């Protein structure tokens, strides 16, 4: 292995699959070998069987649909508001000076801490759950987008001015287009964080959702169902992550050189 030397796509996929196989083998050895009691950690076979029962007999597909809708809804709302503000902060230093202290302060506030207030303001319906995901994503998005736009190469900006580009044209044609690949990467990373907030959002007042199923399973000490729910979240997140990377490669092929 050579530092920073890229590997071909086939090797990358094979190594990724190998890790999952080794992880599952260790998990099976620990649980089936009696190292860990099954009421604390179910084995992979029991987990798969319980997952199949959840999907075919207990309507878990409906729970998955609700959770996906909440994540995408809250994340898209956060993106719609964060994208223009982040671009403005990255492009114009006075705007950055005005908003950045508050954004930096707010991004450290845990979204879960707002749940009592959100219940008071929005009730226990879907608005409260979307709000939790919004708060967990918005401030991170704004700051990271601002950094991506602000890191645009100065020589490109100066060249555009030399060619007669206006201030609005600089933002539209140089800053946004130059930062677009990195902004796409920012959206990909923050979407992963949004999945961590949805379970918290579904802990209170939810009648459907993966978090609701996990909470009910906890009361029954059904670790097989809990693990299956966690794995489903990971798989959906992995699919969305791969989708973002594929979209990034298609839209910005020049940004993938050397990876």
Protein backbone atom coordinates (compact mmCIF):
# COMPACT_ATOMS: atom_id res chain seq x y z
CA UNK A 1 0.00 0.00 0.00
CA UNK A 2 1.16 3.52 -0.88
CA UNK A 3 -0.13 6.62 0.97
CA UNK A 4 -2.91 8.42 -0.96
CA UNK A 5 -2.61 6.04 -3.91
CA UNK A 6 -6.16 5.37 -5.22
CA UNK A 7 -7.45 1.84 -5.75
CA UNK A 8 -9.62 0.68 -8.60
CA UNK A 9 -13.38 0.45 -8.13
CA UNK A 10 -13.49 -3.38 -8.09
CA UNK A 11 -10.88 -3.58 -5.33
CA UNK A 12 -12.66 -0.90 -3.30
CA UNK A 13 -15.99 -2.77 -3.50
CA UNK A 14 -14.34 -6.11 -2.67
CA UNK A 15 -12.58 -4.69 0.39
CA UNK A 16 -15.81 -3.07 1.61
CA UNK A 17 -17.72 -6.34 1.28
CA UNK A 18 -14.89 -8.22 3.01
CA UNK A 19 -15.17 -6.00 6.08
CA UNK A 20 -18.91 -6.67 6.38
CA UNK A 21 -18.28 -10.41 6.07
CA UNK A 22 -15.63 -10.37 8.78
CA UNK A 23 -17.81 -8.24 11.04
CA UNK A 24 -20.74 -10.65 10.65
CA UNK A 25 -18.47 -13.65 11.28
CA UNK A 26 -17.17 -12.14 14.54
CA UNK A 27 -20.71 -11.23 15.57
CA UNK A 28 -21.91 -14.79 14.92
CA UNK A 29 -18.96 -16.30 16.78
CA UNK A 30 -19.52 -14.11 19.84
CA UNK A 31 -23.27 -14.73 20.05
CA UNK A 32 -23.56 -18.34 18.92
CA UNK A 33 -20.49 -19.26 20.98
CA UNK A 34 -22.19 -18.06 24.15
CA UNK A 35 -19.69 -15.29 24.90
CA UNK A 36 -22.56 -12.80 25.07
CA UNK A 37 -26.07 -13.85 26.26
CA UNK A 38 -28.68 -13.71 23.49
CA UNK A 39 -31.00 -11.50 25.53
CA UNK A 40 -28.26 -8.85 25.41
CA UNK A 41 -27.21 -9.39 21.79
CA UNK A 42 -29.13 -11.53 19.30
CA UNK A 43 -27.20 -13.60 16.78
CA UNK A 44 -27.32 -12.73 13.06
CA UNK A 45 -29.64 -15.60 12.13
CA UNK A 46 -32.23 -14.72 14.78
CA UNK A 47 -32.00 -11.08 13.74
CA UNK A 48 -32.66 -11.92 10.08
CA UNK A 49 -35.60 -14.17 11.00
CA UNK A 50 -37.13 -11.48 13.21
CA UNK A 51 -36.56 -8.88 10.49
CA UNK A 52 -38.41 -11.00 7.98
CA UNK A 53 -41.30 -11.35 10.43
CA UNK A 54 -41.35 -7.58 10.95
CA UNK A 55 -41.49 -6.94 7.23
CA UNK A 56 -44.03 -9.61 6.26
CA UNK A 57 -46.34 -9.76 9.28
CA UNK A 58 -45.94 -6.58 11.35
CA UNK A 59 -46.00 -3.83 8.72
CA UNK A 60 -42.42 -2.67 9.24
CA UNK A 61 -42.30 -1.46 5.65
CA UNK A 62 -44.80 1.23 6.64
CA UNK A 63 -42.49 2.30 9.48
CA UNK A 64 -39.57 2.51 7.08
CA UNK A 65 -41.59 4.68 4.70
CA UNK A 66 -42.53 7.12 7.47
CA UNK A 67 -38.94 7.44 8.66
CA UNK A 68 -37.58 8.01 5.15
CA UNK A 69 -40.23 10.67 4.55
CA UNK A 70 -39.32 12.48 7.78
CA UNK A 71 -35.60 12.45 7.06
CA UNK A 72 -35.95 13.64 3.48
CA UNK A 73 -38.60 16.21 4.41
CA UNK A 74 -36.61 17.79 7.23
CA UNK A 75 -33.37 17.64 5.27
CA UNK A 76 -34.85 19.19 2.12
CA UNK A 77 -36.41 22.04 4.11
CA UNK A 78 -33.05 22.67 5.79
CA UNK A 79 -31.28 22.62 2.40
CA UNK A 80 -33.70 25.09 0.82
CA UNK A 81 -32.97 27.65 3.54
CA UNK A 82 -29.30 26.82 4.17
CA UNK A 83 -28.07 26.85 0.58
CA UNK A 84 -28.73 30.53 -0.26
CA UNK A 85 -27.61 31.72 3.18
CA UNK A 86 -24.43 29.66 3.01
CA UNK A 87 -23.62 30.99 -0.46
CA UNK A 88 -24.20 34.57 0.68
CA UNK A 89 -21.98 34.08 3.73
CA UNK A 90 -19.22 32.55 1.65
CA UNK A 91 -19.42 35.23 -1.04
CA UNK A 92 -19.85 38.39 1.02
CA UNK A 93 -17.71 38.93 4.11
CA UNK A 94 -20.11 41.44 5.78
CA UNK A 95 -22.89 38.83 5.58
CA UNK A 96 -20.51 36.26 7.04
CA UNK A 97 -19.52 38.63 9.86
CA UNK A 98 -23.19 39.21 10.67
CA UNK A 99 -24.39 35.59 10.71
CA UNK A 100 -21.30 33.50 11.47
CA UNK A 101 -21.10 34.04 15.27
CA UNK A 102 -24.71 32.94 15.76
CA UNK A 103 -24.44 30.03 13.30
CA UNK A 104 -21.26 28.82 15.02
CA UNK A 105 -23.01 29.07 18.38
CA UNK A 106 -26.20 27.35 17.24
CA UNK A 107 -24.53 24.40 15.52
CA UNK A 108 -23.24 23.17 18.88
CA UNK A 109 -26.71 23.05 20.38
CA UNK A 110 -28.04 19.44 20.37
CA UNK A 111 -31.26 19.14 18.41
CA UNK A 112 -32.63 16.74 21.02
CA UNK A 113 -32.50 19.50 23.63
CA UNK A 114 -35.14 21.41 21.68
CA UNK A 115 -37.69 18.57 21.77
CA UNK A 116 -39.57 19.86 24.87
CA UNK A 117 -39.87 23.30 23.27
CA UNK A 118 -40.83 21.87 19.89
CA UNK A 119 -43.56 19.78 21.51
CA UNK A 120 -44.83 22.93 23.20
CA UNK A 121 -44.73 24.93 19.95
CA UNK A 122 -45.67 22.31 17.35
CA UNK A 123 -47.25 19.45 19.30
CA UNK A 124 -46.23 15.82 18.84
CA UNK A 125 -47.18 15.56 15.17
CA UNK A 126 -45.06 15.56 12.05
CA UNK A 127 -44.11 19.24 12.39
CA UNK A 128 -42.20 18.48 15.58
CA UNK A 129 -40.27 15.62 13.97
CA UNK A 130 -39.41 17.61 10.85
CA UNK A 131 -38.29 20.48 13.07
CA UNK A 132 -35.83 18.28 14.98
CA UNK A 133 -34.21 17.13 11.74
CA UNK A 134 -34.25 20.69 10.41
CA UNK A 135 -32.47 22.05 13.48
CA UNK A 136 -29.94 19.23 13.42
CA UNK A 137 -29.08 19.86 9.75
CA UNK A 138 -29.59 23.56 9.02
CA UNK A 139 -26.77 25.18 10.99
CA UNK A 140 -24.23 22.55 9.93
CA UNK A 141 -25.21 23.01 6.29
CA UNK A 142 -24.97 26.79 6.39
CA UNK A 143 -21.47 26.88 7.84
CA UNK A 144 -20.06 24.11 5.67
CA UNK A 145 -21.53 25.59 2.48
CA UNK A 146 -20.14 29.01 3.42
CA UNK A 147 -16.68 27.50 3.89
CA UNK A 148 -16.91 25.68 0.55
CA UNK A 149 -17.88 28.85 -1.31
CA UNK A 150 -15.33 30.99 0.53
CA UNK A 151 -12.50 28.60 -0.42
CA UNK A 152 -12.92 29.30 -4.15
CA UNK A 153 -9.57 30.02 -5.79
CA UNK A 154 -8.84 33.75 -5.88
CA UNK A 155 -7.16 33.54 -9.28
CA UNK A 156 -10.44 32.34 -10.82
CA UNK A 157 -12.29 35.31 -9.33
CA UNK A 158 -9.64 37.77 -10.53
CA UNK A 159 -9.65 36.24 -14.01
CA UNK A 160 -13.43 36.60 -14.19
CA UNK A 161 -13.23 40.27 -13.18
CA UNK A 162 -10.57 40.81 -15.84
CA UNK A 163 -12.92 39.38 -18.44
CA UNK A 164 -15.63 41.86 -17.39
CA UNK A 165 -17.76 39.71 -15.12
CA UNK A 166 -20.07 41.56 -12.71
CA UNK A 167 -20.36 40.88 -8.97
CA UNK A 168 -23.54 38.87 -9.50
CA UNK A 169 -21.83 36.98 -12.30
CA UNK A 170 -18.89 36.16 -10.04
CA UNK A 171 -21.24 34.59 -7.50
CA UNK A 172 -23.28 32.72 -10.09
CA UNK A 173 -20.61 31.63 -12.56
CA UNK A 174 -17.47 31.31 -10.44
CA UNK A 175 -18.23 30.85 -6.75
CA UNK A 176 -21.28 28.60 -7.00
CA UNK A 177 -20.00 26.54 -9.90
CA UNK A 178 -16.53 26.23 -8.41
CA UNK A 179 -17.88 25.11 -5.05
CA UNK A 180 -20.64 22.89 -6.45
CA UNK A 181 -18.75 19.56 -6.08
CA UNK A 182 -17.84 20.35 -2.48
CA UNK A 183 -21.38 21.53 -1.73
CA UNK A 184 -22.67 18.20 -3.01
CA UNK A 185 -20.26 16.44 -0.67
CA UNK A 186 -21.50 18.61 2.20
CA UNK A 187 -25.09 17.62 1.46
CA UNK A 188 -24.06 13.97 1.40
CA UNK A 189 -22.37 14.16 4.80
CA UNK A 190 -25.11 16.15 6.53
CA UNK A 191 -27.80 13.80 5.20
CA UNK A 192 -26.01 11.08 7.16
CA UNK A 193 -26.26 13.21 10.28
CA UNK A 194 -29.97 13.76 9.64
CA UNK A 195 -30.49 10.01 10.01
CA UNK A 196 -29.10 10.20 13.54
CA UNK A 197 -31.70 12.81 14.50
CA UNK A 198 -34.74 10.97 13.18
CA UNK A 199 -34.63 8.28 15.86
CA UNK A 200 -34.58 10.96 18.56
CA UNK A 201 -37.49 12.69 16.81
CA UNK A 202 -39.49 9.45 16.77
CA UNK A 203 -38.98 8.61 20.45
CA UNK A 204 -41.86 10.83 21.54
CA UNK A 205 -45.38 10.78 20.17
CA UNK A 206 -44.67 8.65 17.12
CA UNK A 207 -47.16 5.98 16.10
CA UNK A 208 -45.02 4.79 13.19
CA UNK A 209 -41.39 4.83 12.18
CA UNK A 210 -38.20 2.87 12.75
CA UNK A 211 -37.56 4.73 16.01
CA UNK A 212 -41.06 3.84 17.20
CA UNK A 213 -40.41 0.15 16.48
CA UNK A 214 -37.04 0.27 18.28
CA UNK A 215 -38.63 1.88 21.34
CA UNK A 216 -41.36 -0.78 21.48
CA UNK A 217 -38.76 -3.53 21.05
CA UNK A 218 -36.69 -2.11 23.89
CA UNK A 219 -39.61 -2.57 26.28
CA UNK A 220 -39.75 -6.25 25.26
CA UNK A 221 -35.93 -6.71 25.36
CA UNK A 222 -36.20 -7.81 21.72
CA UNK A 223 -32.59 -7.13 20.76
CA UNK A 224 -33.06 -8.96 17.47
CA UNK A 225 -35.67 -6.43 16.35
CA UNK A 226 -33.65 -3.49 17.66
CA UNK A 227 -30.57 -4.60 15.75
CA UNK A 228 -32.62 -5.16 12.60
CA UNK A 229 -34.02 -1.63 12.83
CA UNK A 230 -30.53 -0.19 13.28
CA UNK A 231 -29.22 -2.18 10.32
CA UNK A 232 -32.12 -1.00 8.14
CA UNK A 233 -31.22 2.61 8.96
CA UNK A 234 -27.61 1.91 8.05
CA UNK A 235 -28.56 0.25 4.76
CA UNK A 236 -30.87 3.10 3.73
CA UNK A 237 -28.17 5.59 4.68
CA UNK A 238 -25.60 3.63 2.67
CA UNK A 239 -27.86 3.60 -0.39
CA UNK A 240 -28.44 7.36 -0.14
CA UNK A 241 -24.71 7.90 0.34
CA UNK A 242 -23.85 5.86 -2.74
CA UNK A 243 -26.55 7.73 -4.67
CA UNK A 244 -25.02 11.07 -3.73
CA UNK A 245 -21.55 9.89 -4.75
CA UNK A 246 -22.85 8.60 -8.09
CA UNK A 247 -24.62 11.90 -8.73
CA UNK A 248 -21.47 13.80 -7.81
CA UNK A 249 -19.39 11.72 -10.22
CA UNK A 250 -21.89 12.30 -13.00
CA UNK A 251 -22.33 16.04 -12.48
CA UNK A 252 -18.72 16.90 -11.60
CA UNK A 253 -16.40 14.31 -13.18
CA UNK A 254 -13.42 16.69 -13.08
CA UNK A 255 -13.60 16.80 -9.27
CA UNK A 256 -13.05 13.04 -9.02
CA UNK A 257 -9.59 13.01 -10.52
CA UNK A 258 -7.04 11.45 -8.19
CA UNK A 259 -9.63 9.80 -5.95
